[in-house]
């Protein structure tokens, strides 16, 4: 995994949203549904695993919501997945899931999943744009939607999918000093991953990787 140079991040409320609006669009990448395109991550070990996964079975299209709550100190809404779910049980995640045929768009899927998982009302959410397509070793092509969320909402947790929901300061997540790098052996190759431990929470894997992409798109490009 290649680390790009660090940038100073204000991560203030309006600064972040102004940057995000200037850099993000709602163009859907062809790799979301084209089985012939394996999402690239820039890490050779991880890309090898994604290519192998794509050859073994069709990668499923999914959407997640990066819900940035516009508080005086902005935060990102995250969840801890239930121990009962089949994929990523007990891990820290964004609200999200598989894109269904009834979803009008990936952003519609992300909003639906956020409502179903944690009861986040759509009228509190202002979608800003999509991040880059992100592939996971579980066979998902994930398209994240970045959104501004107005404070004042009440959440209602779906205990069958989510154990709890919580917020992490955006300033912590957008500080490259907190983007630690881990390594593990998978399919005979070493692959790297990001981890962002916050208090008693262990944010890592796809969630940390997507947050790193958010940092790079908003502050480095």
Protein backbone atom coordinates (compact mmCIF):
# COMPACT_ATOMS: atom_id res chain seq x y z
CA UNK A 1 0.00 0.00 0.00
CA UNK A 2 1.55 3.24 -1.10
CA UNK A 3 1.27 6.10 1.36
CA UNK A 4 0.92 9.54 -0.15
CA UNK A 5 2.31 12.64 1.47
CA UNK A 6 0.48 14.02 4.44
CA UNK A 7 -1.55 17.19 4.25
CA UNK A 8 -2.65 19.54 6.97
CA UNK A 9 -6.31 18.86 7.73
CA UNK A 10 -8.48 21.47 9.35
CA UNK A 11 -11.48 19.08 9.37
CA UNK A 12 -13.64 22.03 10.40
CA UNK A 13 -17.28 21.67 9.46
CA UNK A 14 -17.55 24.04 6.49
CA UNK A 15 -13.97 23.49 5.31
CA UNK A 16 -14.55 19.75 4.96
CA UNK A 17 -17.90 20.06 3.20
CA UNK A 18 -16.62 22.76 0.82
CA UNK A 19 -13.70 20.52 -0.14
CA UNK A 20 -15.93 17.46 -0.54
CA UNK A 21 -18.42 19.29 -2.77
CA UNK A 22 -15.57 20.53 -4.97
CA UNK A 23 -14.04 17.08 -5.43
CA UNK A 24 -16.88 14.55 -5.43
CA UNK A 25 -19.51 13.76 -8.06
CA UNK A 26 -22.35 11.29 -8.56
CA UNK A 27 -20.81 9.54 -11.57
CA UNK A 28 -21.22 5.77 -11.10
CA UNK A 29 -17.98 3.90 -11.90
CA UNK A 30 -18.43 1.08 -14.47
CA UNK A 31 -16.61 -1.32 -12.14
CA UNK A 32 -19.63 -1.32 -9.81
CA UNK A 33 -21.50 -3.71 -12.11
CA UNK A 34 -18.94 -4.84 -14.75
CA UNK A 35 -17.64 -8.26 -13.69
CA UNK A 36 -14.62 -7.78 -15.94
CA UNK A 37 -13.32 -4.88 -13.86
CA UNK A 38 -11.79 -5.76 -10.50
CA UNK A 39 -11.60 -2.71 -8.20
CA UNK A 40 -8.02 -1.53 -7.72
CA UNK A 41 -6.65 -0.42 -4.36
CA UNK A 42 -3.05 0.43 -5.20
CA UNK A 43 -1.78 -2.39 -2.98
CA UNK A 44 -0.45 -5.34 -5.01
CA UNK A 45 -1.27 -7.97 -2.39
CA UNK A 46 -4.81 -6.72 -1.94
CA UNK A 47 -5.38 -6.32 -5.68
CA UNK A 48 -4.26 -9.93 -6.22
CA UNK A 49 -6.85 -11.13 -3.68
CA UNK A 50 -9.60 -9.07 -5.34
CA UNK A 51 -8.72 -10.44 -8.77
CA UNK A 52 -8.80 -13.99 -7.41
CA UNK A 53 -12.13 -13.32 -5.70
CA UNK A 54 -13.62 -11.88 -8.89
CA UNK A 55 -12.56 -14.99 -10.85
CA UNK A 56 -14.08 -17.37 -8.31
CA UNK A 57 -17.49 -15.74 -7.99
CA UNK A 58 -19.28 -12.57 -9.12
CA UNK A 59 -18.49 -9.64 -6.83
CA UNK A 60 -21.66 -8.14 -5.38
CA UNK A 61 -22.44 -4.42 -5.66
CA UNK A 62 -22.87 -2.66 -2.31
CA UNK A 63 -23.28 0.86 -1.01
CA UNK A 64 -22.34 2.48 2.29
CA UNK A 65 -23.08 5.89 3.78
CA UNK A 66 -20.25 8.03 5.13
CA UNK A 67 -22.51 10.14 7.33
CA UNK A 68 -20.61 13.25 8.46
CA UNK A 69 -22.63 14.93 11.18
CA UNK A 70 -22.36 18.73 10.94
CA UNK A 71 -21.81 19.43 14.63
CA UNK A 72 -19.58 22.24 15.93
CA UNK A 73 -16.91 19.55 15.86
CA UNK A 74 -18.03 17.32 12.96
CA UNK A 75 -18.21 13.57 13.49
CA UNK A 76 -18.63 10.41 11.41
CA UNK A 77 -21.45 8.01 12.26
CA UNK A 78 -20.22 4.40 12.52
CA UNK A 79 -21.76 1.15 13.68
CA UNK A 80 -20.63 -2.02 15.40
CA UNK A 81 -22.09 -4.92 13.46
CA UNK A 82 -24.09 -7.56 15.27
CA UNK A 83 -22.43 -10.87 16.11
CA UNK A 84 -25.36 -12.52 14.28
CA UNK A 85 -24.61 -11.24 10.76
CA UNK A 86 -22.77 -13.45 8.29
CA UNK A 87 -20.17 -10.92 7.06
CA UNK A 88 -17.86 -8.85 9.27
CA UNK A 89 -19.64 -9.81 12.49
CA UNK A 90 -18.69 -7.58 15.43
CA UNK A 91 -16.62 -5.21 13.29
CA UNK A 92 -16.82 -1.43 12.97
CA UNK A 93 -18.59 -0.42 9.77
CA UNK A 94 -20.49 2.29 7.94
CA UNK A 95 -24.25 1.89 7.58
CA UNK A 96 -24.72 0.05 4.30
CA UNK A 97 -25.18 -3.19 2.44
CA UNK A 98 -26.02 -4.87 -0.85
CA UNK A 99 -27.58 -2.77 -3.60
CA UNK A 100 -31.02 -4.23 -4.35
CA UNK A 101 -32.83 -4.24 -7.70
CA UNK A 102 -35.47 -1.95 -6.18
CA UNK A 103 -32.90 0.75 -5.32
CA UNK A 104 -33.02 3.68 -7.73
CA UNK A 105 -29.28 4.33 -7.34
CA UNK A 106 -26.31 3.52 -5.10
CA UNK A 107 -27.04 6.60 -2.99
CA UNK A 108 -30.64 5.42 -2.61
CA UNK A 109 -29.32 2.04 -1.42
CA UNK A 110 -27.01 3.73 1.10
CA UNK A 111 -29.87 5.84 2.48
CA UNK A 112 -32.18 2.84 2.68
CA UNK A 113 -29.59 0.77 4.53
CA UNK A 114 -28.90 3.62 6.98
CA UNK A 115 -32.61 3.81 7.73
CA UNK A 116 -32.98 0.03 8.09
CA UNK A 117 -29.88 -0.44 10.25
CA UNK A 118 -29.91 2.57 12.58
CA UNK A 119 -33.08 4.52 11.76
CA UNK A 120 -31.28 7.56 10.29
CA UNK A 121 -34.07 9.65 8.67
CA UNK A 122 -33.45 10.58 5.03
CA UNK A 123 -34.60 14.16 5.53
CA UNK A 124 -31.59 14.77 7.80
CA UNK A 125 -29.16 13.62 5.08
CA UNK A 126 -27.71 15.69 2.23
CA UNK A 127 -25.70 13.43 -0.14
CA UNK A 128 -22.58 15.12 -1.56
CA UNK A 129 -21.06 12.55 -3.92
CA UNK A 130 -19.43 9.17 -4.36
CA UNK A 131 -15.93 8.13 -3.36
CA UNK A 132 -13.87 5.70 -5.43
CA UNK A 133 -15.11 2.13 -5.78
CA UNK A 134 -13.65 -0.08 -3.03
CA UNK A 135 -13.28 -3.86 -3.27
CA UNK A 136 -13.35 -6.21 -0.28
CA UNK A 137 -12.00 -9.72 0.12
CA UNK A 138 -15.55 -10.85 0.99
CA UNK A 139 -16.50 -10.25 -2.64
CA UNK A 140 -18.16 -6.83 -2.49
CA UNK A 141 -17.73 -3.85 -4.79
CA UNK A 142 -18.52 -1.00 -2.39
CA UNK A 143 -19.47 2.48 -3.56
CA UNK A 144 -19.41 4.92 -0.60
CA UNK A 145 -21.67 7.97 -0.55
CA UNK A 146 -20.35 10.96 1.39
CA UNK A 147 -23.15 12.95 3.02
CA UNK A 148 -23.71 15.88 5.32
CA UNK A 149 -26.05 14.98 8.18
CA UNK A 150 -27.98 17.63 10.09
CA UNK A 151 -27.82 17.17 13.88
CA UNK A 152 -30.99 16.53 15.86
CA UNK A 153 -31.87 13.05 14.60
CA UNK A 154 -32.89 10.15 16.84
CA UNK A 155 -31.54 6.70 15.98
CA UNK A 156 -33.39 3.39 16.31
CA UNK A 157 -30.98 0.45 16.19
CA UNK A 158 -31.93 -2.73 14.34
CA UNK A 159 -30.45 -5.25 16.78
CA UNK A 160 -30.51 -8.00 14.19
CA UNK A 161 -27.86 -6.16 12.14
CA UNK A 162 -26.22 -3.63 14.42
CA UNK A 163 -25.10 -3.84 18.03
CA UNK A 164 -24.61 -0.10 18.48
CA UNK A 165 -24.04 3.19 16.65
CA UNK A 166 -21.55 5.85 17.71
CA UNK A 167 -19.72 8.92 16.41
CA UNK A 168 -15.99 9.54 15.98
CA UNK A 169 -14.54 13.06 15.50
CA UNK A 170 -13.84 13.77 11.85
CA UNK A 171 -10.61 15.51 12.90
CA UNK A 172 -9.30 12.22 14.30
CA UNK A 173 -10.24 10.20 11.22
CA UNK A 174 -8.81 12.77 8.80
CA UNK A 175 -5.47 13.05 10.63
CA UNK A 176 -2.93 10.92 8.71
CA UNK A 177 -0.95 10.42 11.93
CA UNK A 178 -3.83 8.17 13.05
CA UNK A 179 -3.72 6.03 9.89
CA UNK A 180 -1.69 3.07 11.10
CA UNK A 181 -0.59 0.29 8.77
CA UNK A 182 -0.96 -3.41 9.51
CA UNK A 183 -0.01 -6.52 7.56
CA UNK A 184 -1.36 -10.05 7.27
CA UNK A 185 -0.86 -13.12 5.09
CA UNK A 186 -3.76 -13.97 2.78
CA UNK A 187 -3.70 -16.52 -0.05
CA UNK A 188 0.05 -16.80 0.18
CA UNK A 189 0.68 -13.06 -0.16
CA UNK A 190 1.26 -10.32 2.33
CA UNK A 191 -1.39 -7.65 2.18
CA UNK A 192 -1.48 -4.35 3.99
CA UNK A 193 -4.45 -2.65 5.60
CA UNK A 194 -5.19 0.51 7.53
CA UNK A 195 -6.19 0.55 11.18
CA UNK A 196 -7.36 3.57 13.17
CA UNK A 197 -7.79 2.61 16.84
CA UNK A 198 -9.98 5.16 18.63
CA UNK A 199 -10.44 4.81 22.39
CA UNK A 200 -11.89 1.30 22.87
CA UNK A 201 -12.89 1.00 19.17
CA UNK A 202 -10.76 -0.86 16.64
CA UNK A 203 -11.47 0.61 13.21
CA UNK A 204 -9.67 -1.36 10.52
CA UNK A 205 -10.01 -3.20 7.21
CA UNK A 206 -12.48 -1.88 4.66
CA UNK A 207 -13.85 0.82 6.98
CA UNK A 208 -10.40 2.26 7.71
CA UNK A 209 -9.43 1.84 4.05
CA UNK A 210 -12.45 3.83 2.88
CA UNK A 211 -11.72 6.54 5.45
CA UNK A 212 -8.17 6.74 4.10
CA UNK A 213 -9.60 7.15 0.58
CA UNK A 214 -11.85 9.92 1.90
CA UNK A 215 -8.80 11.70 3.36
CA UNK A 216 -6.89 11.40 0.07
CA UNK A 217 -9.79 12.59 -2.09
CA UNK A 218 -10.74 15.54 0.11
CA UNK A 219 -7.32 16.73 1.28
CA UNK A 220 -4.68 15.47 -1.17
CA UNK A 221 -6.26 15.73 -4.63
